[in-house]
């Protein structure tokens, strides 16, 4: 005899919309606490949930919430991420400016991009909505959604913050990292220039994802000259501002700093999330890989900023990262040479936590 919960799972596929709504709504918490309920009959309940993302908006909301939770399970993640037809439906709905559940769809996509095979998004194409004013490449559409859709300006129901986690996971892959660091024919813009402006955004999710994208992009050492060029990417102000507070520097140090970092207001707040500060410091360390990078960072007084960060941020991992960076910046270099062994040790960033709702 099936249990009441098992019977409830069966009602996901009911032809009666009211029963589907009741079933999916009540099953959301169990999709996190008892995922095995959805793994019967070769994941048939998961297949039904995938179908329901096009149902009535409230039913679709609960189905998406269940899928977000269930994709924490490796077998479910593989099932959903390798379902090419479902991915196409999900992406088509995600870019719809009237889609009520777009944020949940972005959350689900963020979970799915932990499946390495979804780096295929780089080559995927679909017809964009006219309102998006994008081209037919999905990666460009997602980027346009992320930039144009911040704060509900494209879709009143969505801010697309979780797309930052999508990009963070995708940028682990070198071929997609190249997308972020190279000028695109589509709009003649380097994508990293589109996202760098969000390092001090009000959304914790957006800031965290963007910090990880920038760090992953910094693993591409040939891009470092452009990253540091004030007339090109000019990434340093966008990495340093989030780790700075309202502290006052001696005049000789302040005058050497980049213009954007001088004369900050006394109430300037550094990022409240120490993990973001850690990511930014690790990015700075990656940018010291070459001698020109180290020399430039010395010339614009990066050291005093790291000194104050070490002093003011009460986090052991941040302090250790600051010490490693200071050791590189303050060492004596009589002869130009690269850091022995290549880039400093730093793990590529991905958003480790599978989202649950």
Protein backbone atom coordinates (compact mmCIF):
# COMPACT_ATOMS: atom_id res chain seq x y z
CA UNK A 1 0.00 0.00 0.00
CA UNK A 2 1.43 3.42 -0.94
CA UNK A 3 1.72 5.93 1.87
CA UNK A 4 -0.25 9.19 1.85
CA UNK A 5 2.84 11.07 0.66
CA UNK A 6 3.42 8.59 -2.16
CA UNK A 7 -0.19 9.02 -3.20
CA UNK A 8 0.26 12.79 -3.10
CA UNK A 9 3.26 12.52 -5.43
CA UNK A 10 1.03 10.61 -7.84
CA UNK A 11 -1.39 13.53 -7.96
CA UNK A 12 1.28 15.71 -9.63
CA UNK A 13 0.09 14.29 -12.94
CA UNK A 14 -3.64 14.71 -12.21
CA UNK A 15 -5.72 16.09 -15.11
CA UNK A 16 -7.48 18.29 -12.54
CA UNK A 17 -5.64 21.62 -12.14
CA UNK A 18 -6.86 22.13 -8.57
CA UNK A 19 -5.50 18.74 -7.54
CA UNK A 20 -2.16 19.46 -9.27
CA UNK A 21 -1.96 22.77 -7.41
CA UNK A 22 -2.72 21.18 -4.04
CA UNK A 23 -0.26 18.35 -4.64
CA UNK A 24 2.66 20.46 -5.81
CA UNK A 25 2.16 23.08 -3.10
CA UNK A 26 2.21 20.51 -0.31
CA UNK A 27 5.13 18.57 -1.78
CA UNK A 28 7.61 21.48 -1.88
CA UNK A 29 9.03 20.89 1.63
CA UNK A 30 9.25 17.13 1.04
CA UNK A 31 11.26 17.70 -2.15
CA UNK A 32 14.03 18.92 0.15
CA UNK A 33 13.56 16.59 3.12
CA UNK A 34 12.51 13.36 1.38
CA UNK A 35 13.76 13.46 -2.23
CA UNK A 36 13.43 9.67 -2.53
CA UNK A 37 9.66 10.17 -2.82
CA UNK A 38 10.26 11.59 -6.30
CA UNK A 39 12.63 8.86 -7.50
CA UNK A 40 10.09 6.11 -8.06
CA UNK A 41 9.45 4.50 -11.44
CA UNK A 42 12.68 5.73 -13.01
CA UNK A 43 12.16 9.34 -11.80
CA UNK A 44 8.66 9.57 -13.26
CA UNK A 45 7.59 12.24 -10.70
CA UNK A 46 10.55 14.37 -11.80
CA UNK A 47 9.46 14.01 -15.42
CA UNK A 48 5.98 15.20 -14.44
CA UNK A 49 7.42 18.20 -12.56
CA UNK A 50 9.42 19.18 -15.64
CA UNK A 51 6.22 19.18 -17.65
CA UNK A 52 4.49 21.43 -15.10
CA UNK A 53 6.81 24.43 -15.49
CA UNK A 54 4.47 25.51 -18.32
CA UNK A 55 1.32 24.99 -16.23
CA UNK A 56 -0.71 27.67 -14.43
CA UNK A 57 1.78 30.12 -12.83
CA UNK A 58 1.14 28.95 -9.25
CA UNK A 59 1.45 25.28 -10.21
CA UNK A 60 4.60 26.09 -12.19
CA UNK A 61 5.97 27.98 -9.17
CA UNK A 62 5.63 24.94 -6.92
CA UNK A 63 6.96 22.58 -9.59
CA UNK A 64 10.02 24.77 -10.07
CA UNK A 65 10.58 24.95 -6.31
CA UNK A 66 10.48 21.16 -6.15
CA UNK A 67 12.95 20.85 -9.03
CA UNK A 68 15.31 23.37 -7.44
CA UNK A 69 15.39 21.25 -4.29
CA UNK A 70 15.57 17.92 -6.08
CA UNK A 71 18.52 18.88 -8.30
CA UNK A 72 20.66 18.75 -5.17
CA UNK A 73 20.50 14.99 -5.87
CA UNK A 74 23.09 13.88 -8.42
CA UNK A 75 20.77 11.49 -10.26
CA UNK A 76 18.04 14.12 -10.55
CA UNK A 77 20.56 16.76 -11.60
CA UNK A 78 21.82 14.50 -14.39
CA UNK A 79 18.27 13.67 -15.50
CA UNK A 80 17.20 17.30 -15.73
CA UNK A 81 20.45 18.81 -17.05
CA UNK A 82 20.73 16.26 -19.86
CA UNK A 83 17.12 16.70 -21.00
CA UNK A 84 17.79 18.90 -24.01
CA UNK A 85 14.13 19.49 -24.77
CA UNK A 86 13.45 20.61 -21.21
CA UNK A 87 16.49 22.94 -21.26
CA UNK A 88 15.13 24.53 -24.43
CA UNK A 89 11.72 25.07 -22.83
CA UNK A 90 13.30 26.48 -19.66
CA UNK A 91 15.48 28.94 -21.59
CA UNK A 92 12.58 30.04 -23.77
CA UNK A 93 10.43 30.79 -20.74
CA UNK A 94 13.28 32.47 -18.87
CA UNK A 95 13.73 35.21 -21.50
CA UNK A 96 9.99 35.92 -21.76
CA UNK A 97 9.45 39.44 -20.33
CA UNK A 98 6.06 38.36 -18.95
CA UNK A 99 7.22 35.17 -17.23
CA UNK A 100 6.01 35.24 -13.62
CA UNK A 101 8.47 32.62 -12.37
CA UNK A 102 11.63 33.88 -14.09
CA UNK A 103 13.62 34.17 -10.86
CA UNK A 104 12.86 30.56 -9.92
CA UNK A 105 13.87 29.52 -13.43
CA UNK A 106 17.17 31.35 -12.99
CA UNK A 107 17.67 29.53 -9.67
CA UNK A 108 17.01 26.19 -11.33
CA UNK A 109 19.40 27.00 -14.18
CA UNK A 110 22.04 27.94 -11.59
CA UNK A 111 21.73 24.45 -10.13
CA UNK A 112 21.79 22.81 -13.54
CA UNK A 113 25.01 24.53 -14.64
CA UNK A 114 26.83 22.49 -12.01
CA UNK A 115 26.48 19.73 -14.60
CA UNK A 116 29.57 20.21 -16.75
CA UNK A 117 27.72 19.29 -19.91
CA UNK A 118 25.76 22.54 -19.74
CA UNK A 119 28.80 24.43 -20.93
CA UNK A 120 27.07 23.69 -24.24
CA UNK A 121 25.01 26.82 -23.52
CA UNK A 122 27.90 28.69 -25.16
CA UNK A 123 26.87 27.32 -28.56
CA UNK A 124 23.12 27.14 -28.03
CA UNK A 125 20.80 29.41 -30.01
CA UNK A 126 17.17 30.47 -29.77
CA UNK A 127 15.05 33.31 -31.12
CA UNK A 128 15.10 36.21 -28.62
CA UNK A 129 12.03 38.23 -27.61
CA UNK A 130 11.88 41.54 -29.44
CA UNK A 131 11.92 43.45 -26.14
CA UNK A 132 15.28 41.95 -25.17
CA UNK A 133 16.97 43.36 -28.30
CA UNK A 134 19.53 40.55 -28.27
CA UNK A 135 20.90 38.16 -30.87
CA UNK A 136 20.17 34.45 -31.23
CA UNK A 137 22.97 33.18 -28.95
CA UNK A 138 21.62 32.03 -25.59
CA UNK A 139 24.77 33.18 -23.74
CA UNK A 140 24.21 36.73 -25.04
CA UNK A 141 20.53 36.60 -24.15
CA UNK A 142 21.36 35.55 -20.60
CA UNK A 143 23.91 38.34 -20.33
CA UNK A 144 21.39 40.88 -21.61
CA UNK A 145 18.79 39.59 -19.14
CA UNK A 146 21.27 39.95 -16.30
CA UNK A 147 22.24 43.50 -17.23
CA UNK A 148 18.99 44.91 -18.58
CA UNK A 149 16.78 43.02 -16.16
CA UNK A 150 18.39 44.13 -12.91
CA UNK A 151 15.87 45.62 -10.47
CA UNK A 152 12.85 44.53 -12.50
CA UNK A 153 13.47 46.79 -15.49
CA UNK A 154 12.85 44.08 -18.12
CA UNK A 155 10.38 41.86 -16.32
CA UNK A 156 8.48 43.35 -13.39
CA UNK A 157 8.44 39.91 -11.77
CA UNK A 158 12.19 39.28 -11.88
CA UNK A 159 15.63 40.71 -11.17
CA UNK A 160 17.63 37.76 -12.63
CA UNK A 161 20.20 37.97 -9.80
CA UNK A 162 20.68 34.19 -9.84
CA UNK A 163 22.06 34.38 -13.37
CA UNK A 164 25.26 35.57 -11.67
CA UNK A 165 25.53 32.06 -10.19
CA UNK A 166 24.90 30.58 -13.65
CA UNK A 167 27.80 32.61 -15.06
CA UNK A 168 30.00 31.82 -12.05
CA UNK A 169 29.66 28.09 -12.66
CA UNK A 170 29.98 28.37 -16.43
CA UNK A 171 33.15 30.49 -16.17
CA UNK A 172 34.98 27.52 -14.64
CA UNK A 173 35.25 26.25 -18.21
CA UNK A 174 38.01 27.80 -20.27
CA UNK A 175 35.94 28.13 -23.44
CA UNK A 176 33.29 30.13 -21.59
CA UNK A 177 35.94 32.09 -19.70
CA UNK A 178 37.13 33.23 -23.12
CA UNK A 179 33.65 34.59 -23.78
CA UNK A 180 33.91 36.84 -20.74
CA UNK A 181 37.37 38.24 -21.53
CA UNK A 182 37.12 38.80 -25.29
CA UNK A 183 35.31 41.51 -27.23
CA UNK A 184 32.15 40.09 -28.80
CA UNK A 185 31.11 40.69 -32.40
CA UNK A 186 27.51 40.93 -31.18
CA UNK A 187 27.91 44.37 -29.56
CA UNK A 188 31.67 45.08 -29.64
CA UNK A 189 31.84 44.88 -25.82
CA UNK A 190 33.93 42.67 -23.53
CA UNK A 191 31.31 40.91 -21.35
CA UNK A 192 33.34 41.34 -18.15
CA UNK A 193 32.85 45.09 -18.63
CA UNK A 194 29.09 44.58 -18.42
CA UNK A 195 29.14 42.75 -15.11
CA UNK A 196 31.95 44.52 -13.24
CA UNK A 197 29.61 47.38 -12.33
CA UNK A 198 27.65 45.04 -10.03
CA UNK A 199 30.43 44.40 -7.47
CA UNK A 200 28.75 46.90 -5.13
CA UNK A 201 25.14 46.12 -6.03
CA UNK A 202 22.54 45.99 -3.26
CA UNK A 203 21.80 42.31 -3.97
CA UNK A 204 23.97 39.92 -1.96
CA UNK A 205 23.37 37.23 -4.58
CA UNK A 206 24.44 39.43 -7.48
CA UNK A 207 27.58 40.68 -5.70
CA UNK A 208 28.66 37.17 -4.75
CA UNK A 209 28.14 35.74 -8.23
CA UNK A 210 29.88 38.63 -9.97
CA UNK A 211 32.88 38.40 -7.62
CA UNK A 212 33.25 34.74 -8.58
CA UNK A 213 32.93 35.44 -12.31
CA UNK A 214 35.68 38.07 -12.15
CA UNK A 215 37.95 35.74 -10.20
CA UNK A 216 37.44 32.92 -12.70
CA UNK A 217 38.12 35.32 -15.59
CA UNK A 218 41.37 36.33 -13.89
CA UNK A 219 42.71 32.80 -14.39
CA UNK A 220 43.20 33.83 -18.02
CA UNK A 221 46.65 35.37 -17.62
CA UNK A 222 46.91 36.72 -21.21
CA UNK A 223 43.95 38.97 -20.36
CA UNK A 224 45.71 40.62 -17.42
CA UNK A 225 47.11 43.58 -19.39
CA UNK A 226 43.58 44.48 -20.54
CA UNK A 227 42.20 43.91 -17.04
CA UNK A 228 44.64 46.41 -15.57
CA UNK A 229 44.56 48.96 -18.41
CA UNK A 230 42.58 52.02 -17.30
CA UNK A 231 41.46 52.53 -20.91
CA UNK A 232 40.32 48.93 -21.37
CA UNK A 233 38.67 46.69 -18.73
CA UNK A 234 40.10 48.66 -15.80
CA UNK A 235 39.01 46.04 -13.29
CA UNK A 236 40.95 47.23 -10.23
CA UNK A 237 38.50 49.90 -8.98
CA UNK A 238 35.65 47.39 -9.15
CA UNK A 239 37.62 44.87 -7.08
CA UNK A 240 39.07 47.35 -4.58
CA UNK A 241 36.02 49.51 -3.85
CA UNK A 242 34.03 46.63 -2.29
CA UNK A 243 36.84 45.87 0.17
CA UNK A 244 37.33 49.51 1.20
CA UNK A 245 35.57 51.34 4.00
CA UNK A 246 35.68 54.99 5.01
CA UNK A 247 39.19 54.84 6.46
CA UNK A 248 41.49 57.82 5.85
CA UNK A 249 44.90 57.18 4.28
CA UNK A 250 48.06 59.27 4.60
CA UNK A 251 48.24 61.82 1.80
CA UNK A 252 51.25 60.22 0.11
CA UNK A 253 49.43 56.86 -0.11
CA UNK A 254 46.09 58.34 -1.15
CA UNK A 255 47.57 60.40 -3.98
CA UNK A 256 49.05 57.30 -5.59
CA UNK A 257 45.74 55.43 -5.57
CA UNK A 258 43.50 55.15 -8.58
CA UNK A 259 41.31 58.23 -8.96
CA UNK A 260 38.10 56.32 -8.28
CA UNK A 261 39.45 55.27 -4.87
CA UNK A 262 40.44 58.70 -3.63
CA UNK A 263 38.30 60.89 -1.35
CA UNK A 264 35.77 58.23 -0.45
CA UNK A 265 33.06 59.44 1.96
CA UNK A 266 33.61 58.68 5.66
CA UNK A 267 30.44 56.56 5.74
CA UNK A 268 31.66 54.32 2.87
CA UNK A 269 30.88 50.69 3.78
CA UNK A 270 32.88 47.68 2.66
CA UNK A 271 31.04 44.58 1.50
CA UNK A 272 29.38 43.05 4.60
CA UNK A 273 30.00 39.52 3.28
CA UNK A 274 33.56 38.54 4.15
CA UNK A 275 33.44 35.71 1.58
CA UNK A 276 33.09 38.33 -1.16
CA UNK A 277 36.06 40.23 0.25
CA UNK A 278 38.05 36.99 0.23
CA UNK A 279 37.15 36.35 -3.40
CA UNK A 280 38.25 39.87 -4.41
CA UNK A 281 41.57 39.50 -2.61
CA UNK A 282 42.15 36.16 -4.33
CA UNK A 283 41.44 37.87 -7.65
CA UNK A 284 44.02 40.53 -6.83
CA UNK A 285 46.50 37.76 -6.06
CA UNK A 286 45.84 36.19 -9.46
CA UNK A 287 46.53 39.57 -11.06
CA UNK A 288 50.03 39.53 -9.51
CA UNK A 289 50.98 36.53 -11.65
CA UNK A 290 53.14 38.63 -13.98
CA UNK A 291 55.81 41.19 -13.13
CA UNK A 292 53.98 44.02 -14.98
CA UNK A 293 50.87 43.20 -12.97
CA UNK A 294 52.75 43.34 -9.68
CA UNK A 295 54.53 46.55 -10.62
CA UNK A 296 51.27 48.23 -11.62
CA UNK A 297 49.54 47.26 -8.38
CA UNK A 298 52.48 48.63 -6.41
CA UNK A 299 52.39 51.88 -8.39
CA UNK A 300 48.72 52.53 -7.54
CA UNK A 301 49.07 51.83 -3.81
CA UNK A 302 47.16 48.58 -3.55
CA UNK A 303 49.21 47.57 -0.50
CA UNK A 304 47.75 50.17 1.92
CA UNK A 305 44.23 49.04 1.02
CA UNK A 306 45.11 45.41 1.76
CA UNK A 307 46.80 46.50 5.00
CA UNK A 308 43.61 48.20 6.18
CA UNK A 309 41.47 45.27 5.06
CA UNK A 310 43.64 42.92 7.11
CA UNK A 311 43.27 45.21 10.10
CA UNK A 312 39.52 45.79 9.88
CA UNK A 313 37.94 42.57 8.62
CA UNK A 314 37.60 40.02 11.40
CA UNK A 315 37.83 36.86 9.34
CA UNK A 316 40.75 34.43 9.46
CA UNK A 317 40.51 33.41 5.81
CA UNK A 318 40.51 37.06 4.72
CA UNK A 319 43.51 37.83 6.93
CA UNK A 320 45.45 34.87 5.52
CA UNK A 321 44.64 35.92 1.95
CA UNK A 322 45.76 39.48 2.71
CA UNK A 323 49.04 38.19 4.10
CA UNK A 324 49.69 36.11 0.99
CA UNK A 325 49.01 39.07 -1.27
CA UNK A 326 51.17 41.42 0.82
CA UNK A 327 54.05 38.94 0.67
CA UNK A 328 53.93 39.14 -3.12
CA UNK A 329 53.53 42.92 -3.34
CA UNK A 330 56.18 43.82 -0.77
CA UNK A 331 58.93 41.43 -1.79
CA UNK A 332 62.12 42.75 -3.33
CA UNK A 333 62.39 42.03 -7.06
CA UNK A 334 65.75 42.92 -8.46
CA UNK A 335 65.19 41.21 -11.79
CA UNK A 336 61.93 40.98 -13.73
CA UNK A 337 60.56 37.44 -13.54
CA UNK A 338 57.30 35.59 -13.29
CA UNK A 339 56.10 34.05 -10.05
CA UNK A 340 57.75 30.65 -9.86
CA UNK A 341 55.31 27.96 -10.88
CA UNK A 342 52.90 30.29 -12.66
CA UNK A 343 49.74 31.72 -11.18
CA UNK A 344 49.32 31.88 -7.40
CA UNK A 345 47.34 29.02 -5.99
CA UNK A 346 43.65 29.82 -5.96
CA UNK A 347 40.72 27.60 -6.66
CA UNK A 348 38.33 28.43 -9.44
CA UNK A 349 35.09 29.78 -8.10
CA UNK A 350 31.76 28.09 -8.38
CA UNK A 351 28.69 28.68 -6.31
CA UNK A 352 29.07 25.60 -4.12
CA UNK A 353 25.62 25.52 -2.58
CA UNK A 354 22.78 23.94 -4.49
CA UNK A 355 19.84 26.23 -3.88
CA UNK A 356 16.87 25.05 -1.91
CA UNK A 357 13.54 26.79 -1.48
